[in-house]
C-alpha atoms as a PDB file:
ATOM      1  CA  UNK A   1      21.351  95.726-273.591  1.00  0.00           C
ATOM      2  CA  UNK A   2      24.976  94.569-273.587  1.00  0.00           C
ATOM      3  CA  UNK A   3      27.174  96.480-276.016  1.00  0.00           C
ATOM      4  CA  UNK A   4      29.461  94.698-278.421  1.00  0.00           C
ATOM      5  CA  UNK A   5      33.134  94.912-277.395  1.00  0.00           C
ATOM      6  CA  UNK A   6      35.576  97.110-279.331  1.00  0.00           C
ATOM      7  CA  UNK A   7      38.137  95.060-281.178  1.00  0.00           C
ATOM      8  CA  UNK A   8      41.543  96.270-282.393  1.00  0.00           C
ATOM      9  CA  UNK A   9      42.752  95.083-285.804  1.00  0.00           C
ATOM     10  CA  UNK A  10      45.724  95.784-288.071  1.00  0.00           C
ATOM     11  CA  UNK A  11      44.408  96.984-291.424  1.00  0.00           C
ATOM     12  CA  UNK A  12      45.752  97.515-294.962  1.00  0.00           C
ATOM     13  CA  UNK A  13      43.595  99.918-296.929  1.00  0.00           C
ATOM     14  CA  UNK A  14      43.565 100.889-300.627  1.00  0.00           C
ATOM     15  CA  UNK A  15      41.807 103.958-302.027  1.00  0.00           C
ATOM     16  CA  UNK A  16      42.147 106.450-304.869  1.00  0.00           C
ATOM     17  CA  UNK A  17      42.063 110.280-304.652  1.00  0.00           C
ATOM     18  CA  UNK A  18      43.150 113.325-306.676  1.00  0.00           C
ATOM     19  CA  UNK A  19      46.433 114.759-305.476  1.00  0.00           C
ATOM     20  CA  UNK A  20      48.315 118.041-305.946  1.00  0.00           C
ATOM     21  CA  UNK A  21      51.661 119.224-304.604  1.00  0.00           C
ATOM     22  CA  UNK A  22      51.760 121.808-301.793  1.00  0.00           C
ATOM     23  CA  UNK A  23      53.515 125.125-302.258  1.00  0.00           C
ATOM     24  CA  UNK A  24      57.238 125.059-301.195  1.00  0.00           C
ATOM     25  CA  UNK A  25      56.689 127.532-298.363  1.00  0.00           C
ATOM     26  CA  UNK A  26      54.282 125.085-296.679  1.00  0.00           C
ATOM     27  CA  UNK A  27      56.766 122.152-296.599  1.00  0.00           C
ATOM     28  CA  UNK A  28      59.958 121.432-294.757  1.00  0.00           C
ATOM     29  CA  UNK A  29      63.025 122.115-296.907  1.00  0.00           C
ATOM     30  CA  UNK A  30      61.081 122.078-300.245  1.00  0.00           C
ATOM     31  CA  UNK A  31      60.151 118.399-299.803  1.00  0.00           C
ATOM     32  CA  UNK A  32      57.622 116.570-301.923  1.00  0.00           C
ATOM     33  CA  UNK A  33      54.245 116.887-300.109  1.00  0.00           C
ATOM     34  CA  UNK A  34      50.919 116.165-301.738  1.00  0.00           C
ATOM     35  CA  UNK A  35      47.459 117.241-300.653  1.00  0.00           C
ATOM     36  CA  UNK A  36      44.432 115.137-301.360  1.00  0.00           C
ATOM     37  CA  UNK A  37      42.338 117.838-303.052  1.00  0.00           C
ATOM     38  CA  UNK A  38      39.136 115.835-302.633  1.00  0.00           C
ATOM     39  CA  UNK A  39      39.350 113.298-299.741  1.00  0.00           C
ATOM     40  CA  UNK A  40      36.707 110.622-299.960  1.00  0.00           C
ATOM     41  CA  UNK A  41      36.203 111.588-303.584  1.00  0.00           C
ATOM     42  CA  UNK A  42      33.363 109.127-304.180  1.00  0.00           C
ATOM     43  CA  UNK A  43      31.231 110.838-301.511  1.00  0.00           C
ATOM     44  CA  UNK A  44      32.008 114.567-301.632  1.00  0.00           C
ATOM     45  CA  UNK A  45      32.201 114.693-305.425  1.00  0.00           C
ATOM     46  CA  UNK A  46      28.655 113.390-305.687  1.00  0.00           C
ATOM     47  CA  UNK A  47      27.101 114.964-302.592  1.00  0.00           C
ATOM     48  CA  UNK A  48      26.636 118.805-302.394  1.00  0.00           C
ATOM     49  CA  UNK A  49      28.660 119.172-299.211  1.00  0.00           C
ATOM     50  CA  UNK A  50      31.877 120.759-298.003  1.00  0.00           C
ATOM     51  CA  UNK A  51      35.180 118.770-298.098  1.00  0.00           C
ATOM     52  CA  UNK A  52      36.611 117.310-294.870  1.00  0.00           C
ATOM     53  CA  UNK A  53      39.812 118.517-293.251  1.00  0.00           C
ATOM     54  CA  UNK A  54      43.081 118.195-295.240  1.00  0.00           C
ATOM     55  CA  UNK A  55      44.714 114.877-295.908  1.00  0.00           C
ATOM     56  CA  UNK A  56      48.461 115.215-296.489  1.00  0.00           C
ATOM     57  CA  UNK A  57      50.922 112.736-298.073  1.00  0.00           C
ATOM     58  CA  UNK A  58      54.649 113.280-297.477  1.00  0.00           C
ATOM     59  CA  UNK A  59      56.889 111.358-299.895  1.00  0.00           C
ATOM     60  CA  UNK A  60      59.754 109.672-298.063  1.00  0.00           C
ATOM     61  CA  UNK A  61      63.455 109.538-299.075  1.00  0.00           C
ATOM     62  CA  UNK A  62      63.672 105.908-297.943  1.00  0.00           C
ATOM     63  CA  UNK A  63      61.524 102.962-296.950  1.00  0.00           C
ATOM     64  CA  UNK A  64      60.700 102.795-293.215  1.00  0.00           C
ATOM     65  CA  UNK A  65      59.054  99.942-291.361  1.00  0.00           C
ATOM     66  CA  UNK A  66      55.600 100.265-289.879  1.00  0.00           C
ATOM     67  CA  UNK A  67      57.207 100.251-286.407  1.00  0.00           C
ATOM     68  CA  UNK A  68      59.613 103.064-287.288  1.00  0.00           C
ATOM     69  CA  UNK A  69      56.763 105.266-288.482  1.00  0.00           C
ATOM     70  CA  UNK A  70      54.596 104.541-285.420  1.00  0.00           C
ATOM     71  CA  UNK A  71      57.476 105.301-283.055  1.00  0.00           C
ATOM     72  CA  UNK A  72      58.239 108.573-284.841  1.00  0.00           C
ATOM     73  CA  UNK A  73      54.524 109.532-284.810  1.00  0.00           C
ATOM     74  CA  UNK A  74      54.461 108.972-281.013  1.00  0.00           C
ATOM     75  CA  UNK A  75      57.440 111.287-280.571  1.00  0.00           C
ATOM     76  CA  UNK A  76      55.743 114.019-282.660  1.00  0.00           C
ATOM     77  CA  UNK A  77      52.479 113.857-280.718  1.00  0.00           C
ATOM     78  CA  UNK A  78      54.251 113.882-277.305  1.00  0.00           C
ATOM     79  CA  UNK A  79      55.034 117.566-277.985  1.00  0.00           C
ATOM     80  CA  UNK A  80      51.728 118.631-279.499  1.00  0.00           C
ATOM     81  CA  UNK A  81      48.572 119.961-277.829  1.00  0.00           C
ATOM     82  CA  UNK A  82      46.511 118.726-280.780  1.00  0.00           C
ATOM     83  CA  UNK A  83      47.713 115.262-281.792  1.00  0.00           C
ATOM     84  CA  UNK A  84      47.786 114.409-285.536  1.00  0.00           C
ATOM     85  CA  UNK A  85      47.019 111.052-287.063  1.00  0.00           C
ATOM     86  CA  UNK A  86      50.054 109.614-288.850  1.00  0.00           C
ATOM     87  CA  UNK A  87      50.042 106.417-290.918  1.00  0.00           C
ATOM     88  CA  UNK A  88      52.598 104.644-293.110  1.00  0.00           C
ATOM     89  CA  UNK A  89      51.775 103.815-296.743  1.00  0.00           C
ATOM     90  CA  UNK A  90      52.693 103.678-300.426  1.00  0.00           C
ATOM     91  CA  UNK A  91      51.561 105.881-303.246  1.00  0.00           C
ATOM     92  CA  UNK A  92      51.106 104.762-306.873  1.00  0.00           C
ATOM     93  CA  UNK A  93      50.936 107.738-309.189  1.00  0.00           C
ATOM     94  CA  UNK A  94      51.870 108.198-312.835  1.00  0.00           C
ATOM     95  CA  UNK A  95      53.389 104.679-312.980  1.00  0.00           C
ATOM     96  CA  UNK A  96      55.680 105.422-309.973  1.00  0.00           C
ATOM     97  CA  UNK A  97      55.590 103.878-306.467  1.00  0.00           C
ATOM     98  CA  UNK A  98      56.670 105.994-303.523  1.00  0.00           C
ATOM     99  CA  UNK A  99      56.761 105.347-299.787  1.00  0.00           C
ATOM    100  CA  UNK A 100      54.703 107.959-297.972  1.00  0.00           C
ATOM    101  CA  UNK A 101      53.456 109.101-294.590  1.00  0.00           C
ATOM    102  CA  UNK A 102      49.842 110.208-294.452  1.00  0.00           C
ATOM    103  CA  UNK A 103      49.017 113.061-292.021  1.00  0.00           C
ATOM    104  CA  UNK A 104      45.473 113.990-291.053  1.00  0.00           C
ATOM    105  CA  UNK A 105      43.784 116.010-288.274  1.00  0.00           C
ATOM    106  CA  UNK A 106      45.825 119.065-289.255  1.00  0.00           C
ATOM    107  CA  UNK A 107      43.679 122.182-288.843  1.00  0.00           C
ATOM    108  CA  UNK A 108      45.879 124.512-290.952  1.00  0.00           C
ATOM    109  CA  UNK A 109      48.418 123.932-293.773  1.00  0.00           C
ATOM    110  CA  UNK A 110      51.054 125.859-291.795  1.00  0.00           C
ATOM    111  CA  UNK A 111      51.230 122.902-289.432  1.00  0.00           C
ATOM    112  CA  UNK A 112      52.544 120.573-292.138  1.00  0.00           C
ATOM    113  CA  UNK A 113      56.087 121.872-291.900  1.00  0.00           C
ATOM    114  CA  UNK A 114      56.044 121.626-288.118  1.00  0.00           C
ATOM    115  CA  UNK A 115      54.916 117.970-288.184  1.00  0.00           C
ATOM    116  CA  UNK A 116      57.538 117.189-290.850  1.00  0.00           C
ATOM    117  CA  UNK A 117      60.283 118.712-288.698  1.00  0.00           C
ATOM    118  CA  UNK A 118      59.131 116.613-285.759  1.00  0.00           C
ATOM    119  CA  UNK A 119      59.250 113.478-287.900  1.00  0.00           C
ATOM    120  CA  UNK A 120      62.700 114.418-289.231  1.00  0.00           C
ATOM    121  CA  UNK A 121      63.923 114.820-285.671  1.00  0.00           C
ATOM    122  CA  UNK A 122      62.653 111.275-285.067  1.00  0.00           C
ATOM    123  CA  UNK A 123      64.698 109.942-288.003  1.00  0.00           C
ATOM    124  CA  UNK A 124      62.216 110.168-290.904  1.00  0.00           C
ATOM    125  CA  UNK A 125      63.675 111.807-294.052  1.00  0.00           C
ATOM    126  CA  UNK A 126      61.689 113.288-296.907  1.00  0.00           C
ATOM    127  CA  UNK A 127      62.193 113.288-300.653  1.00  0.00           C
ATOM    128  CA  UNK A 128      62.871 116.618-302.355  1.00  0.00           C
ATOM    129  CA  UNK A 129      60.183 117.940-304.717  1.00  0.00           C
ATOM    130  CA  UNK A 130      61.179 117.477-308.371  1.00  0.00           C
ATOM    131  CA  UNK A 131      58.064 118.777-310.134  1.00  0.00           C
ATOM    132  CA  UNK A 132      54.531 119.987-309.562  1.00  0.00           C
ATOM    133  CA  UNK A 133      51.518 117.700-309.715  1.00  0.00           C
ATOM    134  CA  UNK A 134      48.017 119.084-310.205  1.00  0.00           C
ATOM    135  CA  UNK A 135      44.824 117.044-309.689  1.00  0.00           C
ATOM    136  CA  UNK A 136      46.390 113.711-310.630  1.00  0.00           C
ATOM    137  CA  UNK A 137      44.638 110.556-309.380  1.00  0.00           C
ATOM    138  CA  UNK A 138      46.820 108.413-307.165  1.00  0.00           C
ATOM    139  CA  UNK A 139      46.177 104.978-305.617  1.00  0.00           C
ATOM    140  CA  UNK A 140      47.043 105.019-301.936  1.00  0.00           C
ATOM    141  CA  UNK A 141      47.930 102.052-299.753  1.00  0.00           C
ATOM    142  CA  UNK A 142      47.837 102.666-296.006  1.00  0.00           C
ATOM    143  CA  UNK A 143      48.780 100.549-292.958  1.00  0.00           C
ATOM    144  CA  UNK A 144      46.836 101.501-289.847  1.00  0.00           C
ATOM    145  CA  UNK A 145      45.091 100.213-286.737  1.00  0.00           C
ATOM    146  CA  UNK A 146      41.299 100.074-286.676  1.00  0.00           C
ATOM    147  CA  UNK A 147      39.036 100.055-283.636  1.00  0.00           C
ATOM    148  CA  UNK A 148      35.884  98.262-284.628  1.00  0.00           C
ATOM    149  CA  UNK A 149      32.516  97.311-283.149  1.00  0.00           C
ATOM    150  CA  UNK A 150      31.137  94.115-284.725  1.00  0.00           C
ATOM    151  CA  UNK A 151      27.573  94.696-286.031  1.00  0.00           C
ATOM    152  CA  UNK A 152      26.809  91.153-287.134  1.00  0.00           C
ATOM    153  CA  UNK A 153      26.706  89.538-290.631  1.00  0.00           C
ATOM    154  CA  UNK A 154      30.312  90.520-291.384  1.00  0.00           C
ATOM    155  CA  UNK A 155      29.716  94.199-290.660  1.00  0.00           C
ATOM    156  CA  UNK A 156      31.748  96.503-288.424  1.00  0.00           C
ATOM    157  CA  UNK A 157      31.201 100.078-287.231  1.00  0.00           C
ATOM    158  CA  UNK A 158      34.208 102.251-286.595  1.00  0.00           C
ATOM    159  CA  UNK A 159      34.443 102.824-282.848  1.00  0.00           C
ATOM    160  CA  UNK A 160      36.151 106.222-283.223  1.00  0.00           C
ATOM    161  CA  UNK A 161      34.865 107.744-286.480  1.00  0.00           C
ATOM    162  CA  UNK A 162      31.085 107.741-287.160  1.00  0.00           C
ATOM    163  CA  UNK A 163      31.637 108.384-290.883  1.00  0.00           C
ATOM    164  CA  UNK A 164      33.264 105.000-291.460  1.00  0.00           C
ATOM    165  CA  UNK A 165      32.004 101.435-291.397  1.00  0.00           C
ATOM    166  CA  UNK A 166      33.084  98.125-292.933  1.00  0.00           C
ATOM    167  CA  UNK A 167      31.593  94.924-294.365  1.00  0.00           C
ATOM    168  CA  UNK A 168      33.225  91.707-295.533  1.00  0.00           C
ATOM    169  CA  UNK A 169      33.471  90.564-299.167  1.00  0.00           C
ATOM    170  CA  UNK A 170      33.434  86.879-300.112  1.00  0.00           C
ATOM    171  CA  UNK A 171      36.168  87.357-302.732  1.00  0.00           C
ATOM    172  CA  UNK A 172      39.462  89.188-303.120  1.00  0.00           C
ATOM    173  CA  UNK A 173      39.320  91.692-306.013  1.00  0.00           C
ATOM    174  CA  UNK A 174      41.989  93.580-307.968  1.00  0.00           C
ATOM    175  CA  UNK A 175      41.743  97.292-307.511  1.00  0.00           C
ATOM    176  CA  UNK A 176      40.488  97.834-311.078  1.00  0.00           C
ATOM    177  CA  UNK A 177      37.716  95.239-310.563  1.00  0.00           C
ATOM    178  CA  UNK A 178      36.813  96.804-307.193  1.00  0.00           C
ATOM    179  CA  UNK A 179      36.407 100.220-308.863  1.00  0.00           C
ATOM    180  CA  UNK A 180      34.086  98.759-311.493  1.00  0.00           C
ATOM    181  CA  UNK A 181      32.053  96.977-308.839  1.00  0.00           C
ATOM    182  CA  UNK A 182      31.704 100.211-306.851  1.00  0.00           C
ATOM    183  CA  UNK A 183      30.618 102.166-309.898  1.00  0.00           C
ATOM    184  CA  UNK A 184      27.959  99.567-310.617  1.00  0.00           C
ATOM    185  CA  UNK A 185      26.796  99.538-306.993  1.00  0.00           C
ATOM    186  CA  UNK A 186      26.195 103.293-307.082  1.00  0.00           C
ATOM    187  CA  UNK A 187      23.596 102.913-309.843  1.00  0.00           C
ATOM    188  CA  UNK A 188      21.254 101.823-307.089  1.00  0.00           C
ATOM    189  CA  UNK A 189      19.626 105.083-306.010  1.00  0.00           C
ATOM    190  CA  UNK A 190      18.605 103.654-302.647  1.00  0.00           C
ATOM    191  CA  UNK A 191      22.232 103.896-301.411  1.00  0.00           C
ATOM    192  CA  UNK A 192      23.269 107.286-302.819  1.00  0.00           C
ATOM    193  CA  UNK A 193      26.336 109.162-301.638  1.00  0.00           C
ATOM    194  CA  UNK A 194      29.164 107.028-300.192  1.00  0.00           C
ATOM    195  CA  UNK A 195      32.853 106.571-300.765  1.00  0.00           C
ATOM    196  CA  UNK A 196      34.339 103.096-300.882  1.00  0.00           C
ATOM    197  CA  UNK A 197      37.790 101.701-300.370  1.00  0.00           C
ATOM    198  CA  UNK A 198      39.297  98.249-300.110  1.00  0.00           C
ATOM    199  CA  UNK A 199      40.474  97.034-296.737  1.00  0.00           C
ATOM    200  CA  UNK A 200      41.962  93.891-295.234  1.00  0.00           C
ATOM    201  CA  UNK A 201      42.199  92.798-291.626  1.00  0.00           C
ATOM    202  CA  UNK A 202      43.421  89.649-289.954  1.00  0.00           C
ATOM    203  CA  UNK A 203      41.392  87.674-287.424  1.00  0.00           C
ATOM    204  CA  UNK A 204      42.253  84.331-285.852  1.00  0.00           C
ATOM    205  CA  UNK A 205      45.014  83.766-288.431  1.00  0.00           C
ATOM    206  CA  UNK A 206      42.560  84.443-291.293  1.00  0.00           C
ATOM    207  CA  UNK A 207      42.556  87.286-293.837  1.00  0.00           C
ATOM    208  CA  UNK A 208      39.189  89.122-294.093  1.00  0.00           C
ATOM    209  CA  UNK A 209      38.630  91.254-297.164  1.00  0.00           C
ATOM    210  CA  UNK A 210      36.473  94.303-296.488  1.00  0.00           C
ATOM    211  CA  UNK A 211      34.860  97.307-298.075  1.00  0.00           C
ATOM    212  CA  UNK A 212      35.369 100.509-296.156  1.00  0.00           C
ATOM    213  CA  UNK A 213      32.271 102.719-296.542  1.00  0.00           C
ATOM    214  CA  UNK A 214      32.481 106.457-295.835  1.00  0.00           C
ATOM    215  CA  UNK A 215      29.231 108.319-295.268  1.00  0.00           C
ATOM    216  CA  UNK A 216      28.460 111.016-292.702  1.00  0.00           C
ATOM    217  CA  UNK A 217      26.825 109.506-289.623  1.00  0.00           C
ATOM    218  CA  UNK A 218      26.406 106.140-291.287  1.00  0.00           C
ATOM    219  CA  UNK A 219      24.057 103.708-289.619  1.00  0.00           C
ATOM    220  CA  UNK A 220      24.015  99.957-289.513  1.00  0.00           C
ATOM    221  CA  UNK A 221      20.949  99.868-291.755  1.00  0.00           C
ATOM    222  CA  UNK A 222      22.692 102.091-294.317  1.00  0.00           C
ATOM    223  CA  UNK A 223      25.764  99.905-294.181  1.00  0.00           C
ATOM    224  CA  UNK A 224      23.652  96.752-294.664  1.00  0.00           C
ATOM    225  CA  UNK A 225      21.989  98.289-297.729  1.00  0.00           C
ATOM    226  CA  UNK A 226      25.430  98.940-299.359  1.00  0.00           C
ATOM    227  CA  UNK A 227      26.644  95.498-298.375  1.00  0.00           C
ATOM    228  CA  UNK A 228      23.575  93.790-299.905  1.00  0.00           C
ATOM    229  CA  UNK A 229      24.111  95.670-303.182  1.00  0.00           C
ATOM    230  CA  UNK A 230      27.753  94.617-303.444  1.00  0.00           C
ATOM    231  CA  UNK A 231      26.930  90.999-302.636  1.00  0.00           C
ATOM    232  CA  UNK A 232      24.140  90.941-305.222  1.00  0.00           C
ATOM    233  CA  UNK A 233      26.476  92.156-307.902  1.00  0.00           C
ATOM    234  CA  UNK A 234      29.232  89.679-306.996  1.00  0.00           C
ATOM    235  CA  UNK A 235      26.751  86.787-307.255  1.00  0.00           C
END
């Protein structure tokens, strides 16, 4: 059987997670760095499982373009045995909007400072920490590249990460409406345990609104069940 080709797409993703500031000794020059204390909150909060590896958000001193962040990330990973995943984004927390860089695939918190120093050497400057934040929900907007395998009917499997999959929505929703829709969808006990985020990709000059579903080892059938539930509620 012929496999579907992997497609590359620019993506903007929106999600919400609880955040806390890291201790000063773990950051570069006492900069403002936040840890997602429960990544994929909608999944791991409900399911009795361990949390994934750390997700780190470094608040920036200035706005940098997507290209500037990607070039800096490339320089950082050229000197690392274990590459880290770096993405540009914005954080909305306590009525404030901050430019951030998201870092993942860090095995230990003592690596945060090293990655920050590499980014600083590549021209990325960080904002100083002004106060501590503890378990505050923040809305995170990320810009990233996805590698997807089309699965038919507006569904896509992540070609790199088997915990993530996507399906299209027929309408564009505000974040508050999307949260309510997700809460309603989870009342269906047939699709227990998943985390959802909003996503948007472009294809053939068209914007496609997606739901990103996070669930360990998610299958096409599981994705279809979640998709059908969302579409039923929208109708």
